[in-house]
Amino acid sequence: MKQPLLIFFLLIILSGCNTKAIKDAELHNLMTLLTGKFSNEEQVANDTHFSYLNLVNTKIWKDRPGDWLYSEVFDAKEQNYVYSQRILSYERVDSTTIKSISYKILSPNNYLAGWKNPQIFENLTIDSLVAREGCDIYYKKKTSTIYSGKTKKGACASSIDYIDYILSTFVVSKNKMSVWTRGYDTEGKQVWGKIKGPYKYQKLSE
């Protein structure tokens, strides 16, 4: 009986060695809340002014330093219609703040629906990404299960002529996430994005 028990405990120890150590429990908790497949189906059922979308965040580069997600937003009925593809990294800023850095993928079509097969990103290097300057999201913990994040006002420039800057706000909680992205002109007037409020997503799966 001793030998099987010894083998069992050795397997547990070895499997633990292959898992990235959790150095920051709060950062790990935020990443867990963000990761998964989300849908705003319930919102659309009550308000048809919102597009019916799916948002998927999946962990990538687990063997590389840092914490990384691939994020994709696409039409729930026409999955080939993709609104956004981003690589996101998360890091601690100070004792109360976690920062998300957003990167553009230079050849995004090569990674469509990459959340289905995260291994596709193994050959993608950080050097082939372009950081979205000024578009970092700064998260703060509000309760034990709620985080809120936003970009700095006026920092996230837009490539669209009539938009001076983009302002994005997030509220992340257990099984829920809201995202509100708006564009403002040089006078601080909202000229793009939803007026009524954010897209409200429910988590469908991890």
N, C-alpha and C. Protein backbone atom coordinates (compact mmCIF):
# COMPACT_ATOMS: atom_id res chain seq x y z
N MET A 1 0.81 -1.22 0.00
CA MET A 1 0.00 0.00 0.00
C MET A 1 0.84 1.26 0.00
N LYS A 2 2.05 1.19 0.58
CA LYS A 2 2.87 2.39 0.70
C LYS A 2 3.33 2.90 -0.67
N GLN A 3 3.70 1.96 -1.56
CA GLN A 3 4.24 2.39 -2.86
C GLN A 3 3.21 3.14 -3.71
N PRO A 4 1.96 2.67 -3.84
CA PRO A 4 0.97 3.43 -4.59
C PRO A 4 0.73 4.82 -4.01
N LEU A 5 0.71 4.92 -2.67
CA LEU A 5 0.51 6.22 -2.04
C LEU A 5 1.67 7.16 -2.34
N LEU A 6 2.89 6.63 -2.33
CA LEU A 6 4.07 7.43 -2.63
C LEU A 6 4.02 7.95 -4.05
N ILE A 7 3.64 7.09 -4.98
CA ILE A 7 3.54 7.51 -6.39
C ILE A 7 2.48 8.60 -6.54
N PHE A 8 1.35 8.43 -5.83
CA PHE A 8 0.26 9.41 -5.89
C PHE A 8 0.73 10.80 -5.45
N PHE A 9 1.44 10.85 -4.31
CA PHE A 9 1.92 12.14 -3.79
C PHE A 9 3.00 12.75 -4.70
N LEU A 10 3.83 11.91 -5.30
CA LEU A 10 4.84 12.41 -6.24
C LEU A 10 4.19 13.05 -7.46
N LEU A 11 3.11 12.45 -7.95
CA LEU A 11 2.40 13.00 -9.10
C LEU A 11 1.80 14.37 -8.77
N ILE A 12 1.27 14.50 -7.56
CA ILE A 12 0.72 15.80 -7.14
C ILE A 12 1.80 16.86 -7.10
N ILE A 13 2.95 16.51 -6.55
CA ILE A 13 4.07 17.46 -6.44
C ILE A 13 4.56 17.87 -7.81
N LEU A 14 4.72 16.89 -8.71
CA LEU A 14 5.23 17.18 -10.05
C LEU A 14 4.26 18.03 -10.85
N SER A 15 2.96 17.74 -10.71
CA SER A 15 1.97 18.53 -11.44
C SER A 15 1.97 19.96 -10.95
N GLY A 16 2.21 20.16 -9.65
CA GLY A 16 2.27 21.51 -9.10
C GLY A 16 3.45 22.29 -9.62
N CYS A 17 4.53 21.61 -9.95
CA CYS A 17 5.73 22.28 -10.47
C CYS A 17 5.50 22.84 -11.86
N ASN A 18 4.51 22.32 -12.59
CA ASN A 18 4.25 22.77 -13.95
C ASN A 18 3.24 23.89 -14.00
N THR A 19 2.74 24.30 -12.85
CA THR A 19 1.75 25.36 -12.77
C THR A 19 2.43 26.67 -12.37
N LYS A 20 2.07 27.77 -13.11
CA LYS A 20 2.66 29.07 -12.78
C LYS A 20 2.23 29.49 -11.39
N ALA A 21 3.18 29.83 -10.55
CA ALA A 21 2.88 30.20 -9.17
C ALA A 21 2.05 31.48 -9.13
N ILE A 22 1.10 31.54 -8.22
CA ILE A 22 0.27 32.71 -8.05
C ILE A 22 0.98 33.68 -7.11
N LYS A 23 1.56 34.73 -7.66
CA LYS A 23 2.31 35.70 -6.87
C LYS A 23 1.44 36.84 -6.37
N ASP A 24 0.35 37.10 -7.09
CA ASP A 24 -0.54 38.22 -6.76
C ASP A 24 -1.97 37.69 -6.80
N ALA A 25 -2.55 37.41 -5.64
CA ALA A 25 -3.88 36.80 -5.57
C ALA A 25 -4.95 37.70 -6.16
N GLU A 26 -4.83 39.00 -5.96
CA GLU A 26 -5.82 39.93 -6.48
C GLU A 26 -5.78 40.00 -8.00
N LEU A 27 -4.58 40.04 -8.56
CA LEU A 27 -4.42 40.03 -10.02
C LEU A 27 -4.96 38.72 -10.59
N HIS A 28 -4.66 37.62 -9.92
CA HIS A 28 -5.17 36.32 -10.36
C HIS A 28 -6.69 36.29 -10.33
N ASN A 29 -7.28 36.89 -9.30
CA ASN A 29 -8.74 36.93 -9.18
C ASN A 29 -9.37 37.74 -10.31
N LEU A 30 -8.77 38.89 -10.63
CA LEU A 30 -9.28 39.72 -11.73
C LEU A 30 -9.19 38.96 -13.05
N MET A 31 -8.06 38.30 -13.29
CA MET A 31 -7.89 37.52 -14.52
C MET A 31 -8.94 36.42 -14.62
N THR A 32 -9.24 35.78 -13.50
CA THR A 32 -10.25 34.71 -13.48
C THR A 32 -11.63 35.26 -13.83
N LEU A 33 -11.96 36.43 -13.29
CA LEU A 33 -13.25 37.04 -13.59
C LEU A 33 -13.36 37.44 -15.06
N LEU A 34 -12.25 37.89 -15.64
CA LEU A 34 -12.25 38.36 -17.03
C LEU A 34 -12.26 37.21 -18.04
N THR A 35 -11.71 36.08 -17.67
CA THR A 35 -11.53 34.99 -18.61
C THR A 35 -12.83 34.21 -18.82
N GLY A 36 -13.14 33.94 -20.10
CA GLY A 36 -14.32 33.15 -20.42
C GLY A 36 -15.06 33.71 -21.63
N LYS A 37 -16.20 33.11 -21.91
CA LYS A 37 -17.06 33.55 -23.01
C LYS A 37 -18.25 34.28 -22.42
N PHE A 38 -18.52 35.47 -22.96
CA PHE A 38 -19.59 36.33 -22.46
C PHE A 38 -20.56 36.68 -23.59
N SER A 39 -21.81 36.96 -23.21
CA SER A 39 -22.83 37.35 -24.19
C SER A 39 -23.74 38.41 -23.58
N ASN A 40 -24.21 39.32 -24.41
CA ASN A 40 -25.18 40.32 -23.95
C ASN A 40 -26.59 39.99 -24.44
N GLU A 41 -26.88 38.71 -24.61
CA GLU A 41 -28.18 38.27 -25.11
C GLU A 41 -29.33 38.80 -24.27
N GLU A 42 -29.17 38.75 -22.95
CA GLU A 42 -30.24 39.22 -22.06
C GLU A 42 -30.48 40.71 -22.25
N GLN A 43 -29.43 41.48 -22.43
CA GLN A 43 -29.56 42.92 -22.64
C GLN A 43 -30.31 43.21 -23.93
N VAL A 44 -29.95 42.49 -25.01
CA VAL A 44 -30.57 42.70 -26.31
C VAL A 44 -32.06 42.36 -26.28
N ALA A 45 -32.42 41.36 -25.48
CA ALA A 45 -33.83 40.97 -25.38
C ALA A 45 -34.67 42.10 -24.79
N ASN A 46 -34.03 42.96 -23.99
CA ASN A 46 -34.75 44.07 -23.35
C ASN A 46 -34.54 45.40 -24.04
N ASP A 47 -33.53 45.48 -24.91
CA ASP A 47 -33.22 46.74 -25.58
C ASP A 47 -32.55 46.45 -26.92
N THR A 48 -33.30 46.55 -27.99
CA THR A 48 -32.80 46.21 -29.33
C THR A 48 -31.86 47.28 -29.90
N HIS A 49 -31.64 48.36 -29.18
CA HIS A 49 -30.69 49.37 -29.64
C HIS A 49 -29.25 48.87 -29.52
N PHE A 50 -29.04 47.79 -28.76
CA PHE A 50 -27.71 47.22 -28.61
C PHE A 50 -27.53 46.05 -29.57
N SER A 51 -26.36 45.96 -30.17
CA SER A 51 -26.03 44.83 -31.04
C SER A 51 -25.87 43.57 -30.19
N TYR A 52 -26.19 42.44 -30.77
CA TYR A 52 -26.08 41.16 -30.08
C TYR A 52 -24.66 40.64 -30.28
N LEU A 53 -23.86 40.68 -29.20
CA LEU A 53 -22.43 40.39 -29.30
C LEU A 53 -21.99 39.26 -28.37
N ASN A 54 -20.93 38.62 -28.77
CA ASN A 54 -20.19 37.71 -27.89
C ASN A 54 -18.81 38.29 -27.65
N LEU A 55 -18.32 38.16 -26.44
CA LEU A 55 -16.97 38.58 -26.09
C LEU A 55 -16.26 37.38 -25.45
N VAL A 56 -15.09 37.07 -25.97
CA VAL A 56 -14.33 35.94 -25.43
C VAL A 56 -12.94 36.40 -25.03
N ASN A 57 -12.57 36.13 -23.80
CA ASN A 57 -11.20 36.37 -23.30
C ASN A 57 -10.60 35.01 -22.94
N THR A 58 -9.48 34.69 -23.53
CA THR A 58 -8.84 33.42 -23.22
C THR A 58 -7.37 33.64 -22.88
N LYS A 59 -6.87 32.89 -21.91
CA LYS A 59 -5.48 33.04 -21.49
C LYS A 59 -4.54 32.47 -22.55
N ILE A 60 -3.45 33.18 -22.78
CA ILE A 60 -2.41 32.73 -23.71
C ILE A 60 -1.05 32.91 -23.04
N TRP A 61 -0.04 32.32 -23.66
CA TRP A 61 1.36 32.50 -23.23
C TRP A 61 1.54 32.18 -21.75
N LYS A 62 0.98 31.07 -21.31
CA LYS A 62 1.06 30.70 -19.89
C LYS A 62 2.48 30.42 -19.44
N ASP A 63 3.37 30.08 -20.40
CA ASP A 63 4.75 29.78 -20.03
C ASP A 63 5.66 31.00 -20.15
N ARG A 64 5.11 32.14 -20.56
CA ARG A 64 5.92 33.36 -20.67
C ARG A 64 5.68 34.25 -19.44
N PRO A 65 6.62 35.14 -19.17
CA PRO A 65 6.43 36.05 -18.03
C PRO A 65 5.21 36.94 -18.22
N GLY A 66 4.52 37.23 -17.14
CA GLY A 66 3.36 38.10 -17.21
C GLY A 66 2.05 37.35 -17.35
N ASP A 67 0.97 38.12 -17.40
CA ASP A 67 -0.38 37.56 -17.53
C ASP A 67 -1.02 38.13 -18.79
N TRP A 68 -1.44 37.23 -19.70
CA TRP A 68 -1.87 37.63 -21.03
C TRP A 68 -3.22 37.02 -21.40
N LEU A 69 -4.03 37.83 -22.10
CA LEU A 69 -5.29 37.35 -22.65
C LEU A 69 -5.37 37.71 -24.12
N TYR A 70 -6.03 36.83 -24.88
CA TYR A 70 -6.49 37.20 -26.22
C TYR A 70 -7.96 37.54 -26.10
N SER A 71 -8.36 38.71 -26.60
CA SER A 71 -9.73 39.17 -26.48
C SER A 71 -10.34 39.39 -27.87
N GLU A 72 -11.53 38.83 -28.06
CA GLU A 72 -12.21 38.97 -29.35
C GLU A 72 -13.68 39.27 -29.12
N VAL A 73 -14.19 40.25 -29.85
CA VAL A 73 -15.62 40.61 -29.81
C VAL A 73 -16.18 40.38 -31.20
N PHE A 74 -17.27 39.61 -31.28
CA PHE A 74 -17.82 39.30 -32.60
C PHE A 74 -19.34 39.23 -32.53
N ASP A 75 -19.96 39.32 -33.71
CA ASP A 75 -21.41 39.24 -33.82
C ASP A 75 -21.89 37.85 -33.40
N ALA A 76 -22.87 37.80 -32.52
CA ALA A 76 -23.33 36.52 -31.99
C ALA A 76 -24.02 35.67 -33.05
N LYS A 77 -24.59 36.31 -34.07
CA LYS A 77 -25.29 35.58 -35.12
C LYS A 77 -24.40 35.30 -36.33
N GLU A 78 -23.46 36.20 -36.57
CA GLU A 78 -22.52 36.06 -37.69
C GLU A 78 -21.10 36.09 -37.12
N GLN A 79 -20.59 34.93 -36.69
CA GLN A 79 -19.32 34.89 -35.99
C GLN A 79 -18.14 35.36 -36.84
N ASN A 80 -18.31 35.37 -38.16
CA ASN A 80 -17.23 35.86 -39.02
C ASN A 80 -17.14 37.38 -39.02
N TYR A 81 -18.16 38.03 -38.45
CA TYR A 81 -18.14 39.50 -38.36
C TYR A 81 -17.52 39.86 -37.01
N VAL A 82 -16.25 40.21 -37.06
CA VAL A 82 -15.48 40.47 -35.84
C VAL A 82 -15.31 41.97 -35.64
N TYR A 83 -15.66 42.46 -34.48
CA TYR A 83 -15.54 43.88 -34.16
C TYR A 83 -14.17 44.25 -33.62
N SER A 84 -13.57 43.35 -32.86
CA SER A 84 -12.31 43.70 -32.19
C SER A 84 -11.48 42.46 -31.89
N GLN A 85 -10.17 42.58 -32.08
CA GLN A 85 -9.19 41.57 -31.68
C GLN A 85 -8.05 42.28 -30.98
N ARG A 86 -7.74 41.85 -29.76
CA ARG A 86 -6.68 42.49 -28.99
C ARG A 86 -5.91 41.44 -28.20
N ILE A 87 -4.63 41.73 -27.98
CA ILE A 87 -3.84 41.02 -26.98
C ILE A 87 -3.76 41.94 -25.77
N LEU A 88 -4.05 41.43 -24.59
CA LEU A 88 -4.07 42.24 -23.38
C LEU A 88 -3.09 41.68 -22.36
N SER A 89 -2.31 42.55 -21.75
CA SER A 89 -1.44 42.13 -20.65
C SER A 89 -1.88 42.85 -19.38
N TYR A 90 -1.67 42.19 -18.25
CA TYR A 90 -2.10 42.73 -16.95
C TYR A 90 -0.92 42.75 -15.99
N GLU A 91 -0.79 43.86 -15.28
CA GLU A 91 0.32 43.98 -14.33
C GLU A 91 -0.05 44.89 -13.17
N ARG A 92 0.63 44.69 -12.08
CA ARG A 92 0.40 45.49 -10.87
C ARG A 92 1.08 46.85 -11.02
N VAL A 93 0.35 47.92 -10.71
CA VAL A 93 0.89 49.28 -10.73
C VAL A 93 1.31 49.71 -9.33
N ASP A 94 0.39 49.55 -8.39
CA ASP A 94 0.67 49.85 -6.99
C ASP A 94 -0.23 48.98 -6.13
N SER A 95 -0.30 49.25 -4.84
CA SER A 95 -1.04 48.38 -3.92
C SER A 95 -2.54 48.33 -4.19
N THR A 96 -3.07 49.33 -4.93
CA THR A 96 -4.51 49.37 -5.17
C THR A 96 -4.90 49.32 -6.65
N THR A 97 -3.92 49.29 -7.55
CA THR A 97 -4.22 49.44 -8.98
C THR A 97 -3.57 48.35 -9.82
N ILE A 98 -4.34 47.82 -10.76
CA ILE A 98 -3.85 46.86 -11.76
C ILE A 98 -4.08 47.47 -13.14
N LYS A 99 -3.08 47.38 -13.98
CA LYS A 99 -3.16 47.99 -15.31
C LYS A 99 -3.26 46.94 -16.40
N SER A 100 -4.14 47.21 -17.37
CA SER A 100 -4.25 46.38 -18.57
C SER A 100 -3.70 47.17 -19.76
N ILE A 101 -2.76 46.58 -20.48
CA ILE A 101 -2.19 47.20 -21.68
C ILE A 101 -2.75 46.49 -22.90
N SER A 102 -3.25 47.26 -23.85
CA SER A 102 -3.89 46.72 -25.05
C SER A 102 -2.94 46.79 -26.24
N TYR A 103 -2.87 45.69 -26.99
CA TYR A 103 -2.01 45.60 -28.17
C TYR A 103 -2.80 45.25 -29.41
N LYS A 104 -2.48 45.92 -30.51
CA LYS A 104 -3.03 45.55 -31.81
C LYS A 104 -2.22 44.40 -32.40
N ILE A 105 -2.91 43.50 -33.10
CA ILE A 105 -2.25 42.42 -33.82
C ILE A 105 -2.08 42.87 -35.27
N LEU A 106 -0.86 42.82 -35.79
CA LEU A 106 -0.60 43.35 -37.13
C LEU A 106 -1.23 42.51 -38.24
N SER A 107 -1.40 41.22 -38.02
CA SER A 107 -2.06 40.35 -38.99
C SER A 107 -3.24 39.67 -38.31
N PRO A 108 -4.28 40.44 -37.98
CA PRO A 108 -5.37 39.90 -37.16
C PRO A 108 -6.12 38.74 -37.78
N ASN A 109 -6.24 38.72 -39.11
CA ASN A 109 -7.00 37.65 -39.76
C ASN A 109 -6.38 36.27 -39.53
N ASN A 110 -5.09 36.25 -39.25
CA ASN A 110 -4.43 34.96 -38.99
C ASN A 110 -4.84 34.37 -37.64
N TYR A 111 -5.50 35.19 -36.81
CA TYR A 111 -5.81 34.74 -35.45
C TYR A 111 -7.30 34.81 -35.13
N LEU A 112 -8.13 34.90 -36.18
CA LEU A 112 -9.57 34.92 -35.97
C LEU A 112 -10.02 33.66 -35.24
N ALA A 113 -10.89 33.83 -34.26
CA ALA A 113 -11.38 32.72 -33.44
C ALA A 113 -10.23 31.98 -32.76
N GLY A 114 -9.16 32.71 -32.45
CA GLY A 114 -8.00 32.11 -31.80
C GLY A 114 -8.31 31.57 -30.42
N TRP A 115 -9.42 32.02 -29.84
CA TRP A 115 -9.83 31.52 -28.52
C TRP A 115 -10.18 30.03 -28.55
N LYS A 116 -10.47 29.52 -29.76
CA LYS A 116 -10.78 28.09 -29.88
C LYS A 116 -9.51 27.24 -29.78
N ASN A 117 -8.38 27.84 -30.14
CA ASN A 117 -7.10 27.12 -30.12
C ASN A 117 -5.99 28.08 -29.70
N PRO A 118 -5.83 28.33 -28.40
CA PRO A 118 -4.83 29.29 -27.90
C PRO A 118 -3.40 28.97 -28.33
N GLN A 119 -3.13 27.73 -28.71
CA GLN A 119 -1.78 27.36 -29.14
C GLN A 119 -1.35 28.13 -30.38
N ILE A 120 -2.32 28.66 -31.12
CA ILE A 120 -2.02 29.40 -32.34
C ILE A 120 -1.17 30.64 -32.05
N PHE A 121 -1.19 31.11 -30.81
CA PHE A 121 -0.45 32.32 -30.45
C PHE A 121 1.00 32.05 -30.03
N GLU A 122 1.38 30.79 -29.97
CA GLU A 122 2.73 30.45 -29.51
C GLU A 122 3.81 31.03 -30.43
N ASN A 123 3.52 31.16 -31.71
CA ASN A 123 4.50 31.70 -32.65
C ASN A 123 4.39 33.21 -32.81
N LEU A 124 3.44 33.82 -32.10
CA LEU A 124 3.29 35.28 -32.13
C LEU A 124 4.20 35.90 -31.08
N THR A 125 5.00 36.86 -31.49
CA THR A 125 5.95 37.49 -30.56
C THR A 125 5.45 38.87 -30.15
N ILE A 126 5.91 39.33 -29.01
CA ILE A 126 5.53 40.65 -28.53
C ILE A 126 6.00 41.73 -29.50
N ASP A 127 7.12 41.49 -30.16
CA ASP A 127 7.66 42.46 -31.12
C ASP A 127 6.74 42.68 -32.31
N SER A 128 5.84 41.71 -32.57
CA SER A 128 4.94 41.83 -33.72
C SER A 128 3.62 42.50 -33.33
N LEU A 129 3.54 42.99 -32.09
CA LEU A 129 2.35 43.69 -31.62
C LEU A 129 2.61 45.19 -31.53
N VAL A 130 1.54 45.96 -31.59
CA VAL A 130 1.65 47.42 -31.46
C VAL A 130 0.81 47.86 -30.26
N ALA A 131 1.46 48.43 -29.27
CA ALA A 131 0.75 48.90 -28.08
C ALA A 131 -0.14 50.08 -28.44
N ARG A 132 -1.34 50.11 -27.92
CA ARG A 132 -2.26 51.23 -28.11
C ARG A 132 -1.93 52.28 -27.06
N GLU A 133 -1.09 53.22 -27.45
CA GLU A 133 -0.58 54.22 -26.52
C GLU A 133 -1.70 55.01 -25.86
N GLY A 134 -1.64 55.12 -24.54
CA GLY A 134 -2.62 55.90 -23.80
C GLY A 134 -3.94 55.20 -23.54
N CYS A 135 -4.07 53.95 -24.04
CA CYS A 135 -5.34 53.24 -23.91
C CYS A 135 -5.33 52.20 -22.80
N ASP A 136 -4.39 52.33 -21.88
CA ASP A 136 -4.33 51.40 -20.74
C ASP A 136 -5.58 51.55 -19.88
N ILE A 137 -6.06 50.41 -19.36
CA ILE A 137 -7.18 50.41 -18.42
C ILE A 137 -6.63 50.24 -17.01
N TYR A 138 -7.04 51.11 -16.10
CA TYR A 138 -6.58 51.06 -14.71
C TYR A 138 -7.72 50.54 -13.83
N TYR A 139 -7.51 49.36 -13.27
CA TYR A 139 -8.53 48.70 -12.45
C TYR A 139 -8.27 48.92 -10.96
N LYS A 140 -9.36 49.10 -10.24
CA LYS A 140 -9.30 49.16 -8.77
C LYS A 140 -10.38 48.24 -8.21
N LYS A 141 -10.06 47.62 -7.10
CA LYS A 141 -10.99 46.70 -6.45
C LYS A 141 -12.02 47.50 -5.66
N LYS A 142 -13.31 47.24 -5.92
CA LYS A 142 -14.38 47.94 -5.22
C LYS A 142 -14.93 47.12 -4.05
N THR A 143 -15.13 45.82 -4.27
CA THR A 143 -15.52 44.89 -3.22
C THR A 143 -14.69 43.62 -3.43
N SER A 144 -14.98 42.58 -2.67
CA SER A 144 -14.21 41.34 -2.80
C SER A 144 -14.39 40.69 -4.16
N THR A 145 -15.47 41.03 -4.87
CA THR A 145 -15.73 40.39 -6.17
C THR A 145 -16.03 41.38 -7.29
N ILE A 146 -15.78 42.66 -7.05
CA ILE A 146 -16.07 43.67 -8.08
C ILE A 146 -14.85 44.56 -8.31
N TYR A 147 -14.49 44.70 -9.60
CA TYR A 147 -13.40 45.59 -10.00
C TYR A 147 -13.95 46.58 -11.03
N SER A 148 -13.50 47.81 -10.96
CA SER A 148 -13.85 48.80 -11.98
C SER A 148 -12.57 49.34 -12.61
N GLY A 149 -12.65 49.60 -13.90
CA GLY A 149 -11.47 50.08 -14.61
C GLY A 149 -11.84 51.10 -15.67
N LYS A 150 -10.89 51.96 -16.00
CA LYS A 150 -11.14 52.95 -17.04
C LYS A 150 -9.83 53.48 -17.60
N THR A 151 -9.93 54.06 -18.79
CA THR A 151 -8.78 54.74 -19.38
C THR A 151 -8.68 56.14 -18.76
N LYS A 152 -7.52 56.74 -18.90
CA LYS A 152 -7.36 58.11 -18.43
C LYS A 152 -8.00 59.06 -19.44
N LYS A 153 -8.72 60.04 -18.93
CA LYS A 153 -9.45 60.97 -19.79
C LYS A 153 -8.51 61.70 -20.74
N GLY A 154 -8.83 61.64 -22.03
CA GLY A 154 -8.06 62.34 -23.05
C GLY A 154 -6.79 61.65 -23.50
N ALA A 155 -6.49 60.49 -22.93
CA ALA A 155 -5.20 59.83 -23.22
C ALA A 155 -5.24 58.89 -24.42
N CYS A 156 -6.39 58.25 -24.65
CA CYS A 156 -6.49 57.23 -25.70
C CYS A 156 -6.94 57.87 -27.00
N ALA A 157 -5.98 58.22 -27.85
CA ALA A 157 -6.28 58.92 -29.10
C ALA A 157 -6.97 58.00 -30.10
N SER A 158 -7.74 58.60 -30.99
CA SER A 158 -8.47 57.85 -32.01
C SER A 158 -7.92 58.17 -33.40
N SER A 159 -7.98 57.17 -34.28
CA SER A 159 -7.55 57.38 -35.67
C SER A 159 -8.67 57.95 -36.53
N ILE A 160 -9.88 58.03 -35.96
CA ILE A 160 -11.03 58.60 -36.68
C ILE A 160 -11.00 60.11 -36.55
N ASP A 161 -11.12 60.81 -37.67
CA ASP A 161 -10.92 62.26 -37.71
C ASP A 161 -11.76 63.03 -36.71
N TYR A 162 -13.05 62.71 -36.60
CA TYR A 162 -13.93 63.52 -35.77
C TYR A 162 -13.89 63.13 -34.29
N ILE A 163 -13.10 62.11 -33.95
CA ILE A 163 -12.98 61.69 -32.56
C ILE A 163 -11.60 62.07 -32.04
N ASP A 164 -11.57 62.87 -30.97
CA ASP A 164 -10.31 63.30 -30.39
C ASP A 164 -9.72 62.22 -29.48
N TYR A 165 -10.56 61.61 -28.65
CA TYR A 165 -10.08 60.56 -27.77
C TYR A 165 -11.19 59.57 -27.43
N ILE A 166 -10.78 58.39 -27.03
CA ILE A 166 -11.69 57.32 -26.63
C ILE A 166 -11.64 57.16 -25.11
N LEU A 167 -12.81 57.00 -24.50
CA LEU A 167 -12.89 56.72 -23.07
C LEU A 167 -13.60 55.38 -22.89
N SER A 168 -12.91 54.46 -22.23
CA SER A 168 -13.49 53.14 -21.98
C SER A 168 -13.58 52.89 -20.48
N THR A 169 -14.72 52.35 -20.05
CA THR A 169 -14.91 51.99 -18.65
C THR A 169 -15.38 50.54 -18.55
N PHE A 170 -14.90 49.83 -17.55
CA PHE A 170 -15.24 48.42 -17.32
C PHE A 170 -15.71 48.25 -15.88
N VAL A 171 -16.68 47.39 -15.69
CA VAL A 171 -17.04 46.89 -14.36
C VAL A 171 -17.09 45.38 -14.47
N VAL A 172 -16.25 44.71 -13.67
CA VAL A 172 -16.11 43.26 -13.74
C VAL A 172 -16.49 42.65 -12.40
N SER A 173 -17.39 41.68 -12.43
CA SER A 173 -17.80 40.99 -11.22
C SER A 173 -18.02 39.52 -11.54
N LYS A 174 -18.43 38.76 -10.56
CA LYS A 174 -18.62 37.33 -10.77
C LYS A 174 -19.71 37.09 -11.81
N ASN A 175 -19.32 36.47 -12.94
CA ASN A 175 -20.23 36.10 -14.03
C ASN A 175 -20.82 37.28 -14.80
N LYS A 176 -20.31 38.51 -14.57
CA LYS A 176 -20.83 39.67 -15.28
C LYS A 176 -19.69 40.63 -15.65
N MET A 177 -19.90 41.34 -16.76
CA MET A 177 -18.95 42.37 -17.14
C MET A 177 -19.69 43.42 -17.98
N SER A 178 -19.46 44.68 -17.68
CA SER A 178 -20.02 45.76 -18.50
C SER A 178 -18.87 46.53 -19.13
N VAL A 179 -19.07 46.94 -20.39
CA VAL A 179 -18.05 47.66 -21.15
C VAL A 179 -18.72 48.85 -21.83
N TRP A 180 -18.20 50.03 -21.56
CA TRP A 180 -18.76 51.24 -22.17
C TRP A 180 -17.62 52.01 -22.83
N THR A 181 -17.64 52.05 -24.16
CA THR A 181 -16.61 52.73 -24.93
C THR A 181 -17.25 53.88 -25.69
N ARG A 182 -16.71 55.08 -25.47
CA ARG A 182 -17.27 56.29 -26.08
C ARG A 182 -16.18 57.14 -26.69
N GLY A 183 -16.55 57.89 -27.74
CA GLY A 183 -15.61 58.79 -28.39
C GLY A 183 -16.02 60.24 -28.19
N TYR A 184 -15.03 61.11 -27.95
CA TYR A 184 -15.30 62.52 -27.68
C TYR A 184 -14.51 63.41 -28.64
N ASP A 185 -15.10 64.57 -28.96
CA ASP A 185 -14.40 65.52 -29.82
C ASP A 185 -13.51 66.44 -28.98
N THR A 186 -12.90 67.41 -29.61
CA THR A 186 -11.94 68.29 -28.92
C THR A 186 -12.61 69.17 -27.86
N GLU A 187 -13.94 69.31 -27.95
CA GLU A 187 -14.67 70.12 -26.98
C GLU A 187 -15.23 69.27 -25.83
N GLY A 188 -14.91 67.98 -25.84
CA GLY A 188 -15.38 67.10 -24.78
C GLY A 188 -16.80 66.62 -24.96
N LYS A 189 -17.34 66.73 -26.17
CA LYS A 189 -18.70 66.27 -26.46
C LYS A 189 -18.65 64.84 -27.01
N GLN A 190 -19.53 63.97 -26.49
CA GLN A 190 -19.57 62.60 -26.98
C GLN A 190 -20.12 62.57 -28.40
N VAL A 191 -19.35 61.99 -29.32
CA VAL A 191 -19.73 61.94 -30.73
C VAL A 191 -19.77 60.50 -31.27
N TRP A 192 -19.47 59.54 -30.42
CA TRP A 192 -19.46 58.14 -30.86
C TRP A 192 -19.70 57.23 -29.66
N GLY A 193 -20.36 56.09 -29.92
CA GLY A 193 -20.63 55.14 -28.84
C GLY A 193 -22.03 55.30 -28.28
N LYS A 194 -22.41 54.36 -27.45
CA LYS A 194 -23.74 54.35 -26.87
C LYS A 194 -23.92 55.49 -25.87
N ILE A 195 -25.09 56.13 -25.95
CA ILE A 195 -25.43 57.19 -25.02
C ILE A 195 -26.07 56.61 -23.76
N LYS A 196 -26.89 55.59 -23.93
CA LYS A 196 -27.72 55.07 -22.84
C LYS A 196 -26.92 54.38 -21.75
N GLY A 197 -25.82 53.77 -22.11
CA GLY A 197 -25.06 53.03 -21.10
C GLY A 197 -24.21 51.95 -21.73
N PRO A 198 -23.59 51.10 -20.92
CA PRO A 198 -22.62 50.12 -21.41
C PRO A 198 -23.26 48.87 -21.99
N TYR A 199 -22.43 48.12 -22.71
CA TYR A 199 -22.80 46.75 -23.08
C TYR A 199 -22.69 45.91 -21.82
N LYS A 200 -23.71 45.11 -21.54
CA LYS A 200 -23.74 44.30 -20.33
C LYS A 200 -23.69 42.82 -20.70
N TYR A 201 -22.59 42.18 -20.32
CA TYR A 201 -22.35 40.79 -20.69
C TYR A 201 -22.55 39.86 -19.49
N GLN A 202 -23.11 38.69 -19.80
CA GLN A 202 -23.21 37.62 -18.82
C GLN A 202 -22.20 36.53 -19.22
N LYS A 203 -21.52 35.95 -18.25
CA LYS A 203 -20.56 34.88 -18.55
C LYS A 203 -21.31 33.60 -18.87
N LEU A 204 -20.95 32.99 -20.01
CA LEU A 204 -21.56 31.73 -20.44
C LEU A 204 -20.73 30.53 -20.01
N SER A 205 -19.41 30.70 -20.06
CA SER A 205 -18.51 29.60 -19.70
C SER A 205 -17.16 30.17 -19.34
N GLU A 206 -16.35 29.35 -18.68
CA GLU A 206 -15.00 29.78 -18.28
C GLU A 206 -14.07 29.79 -19.49
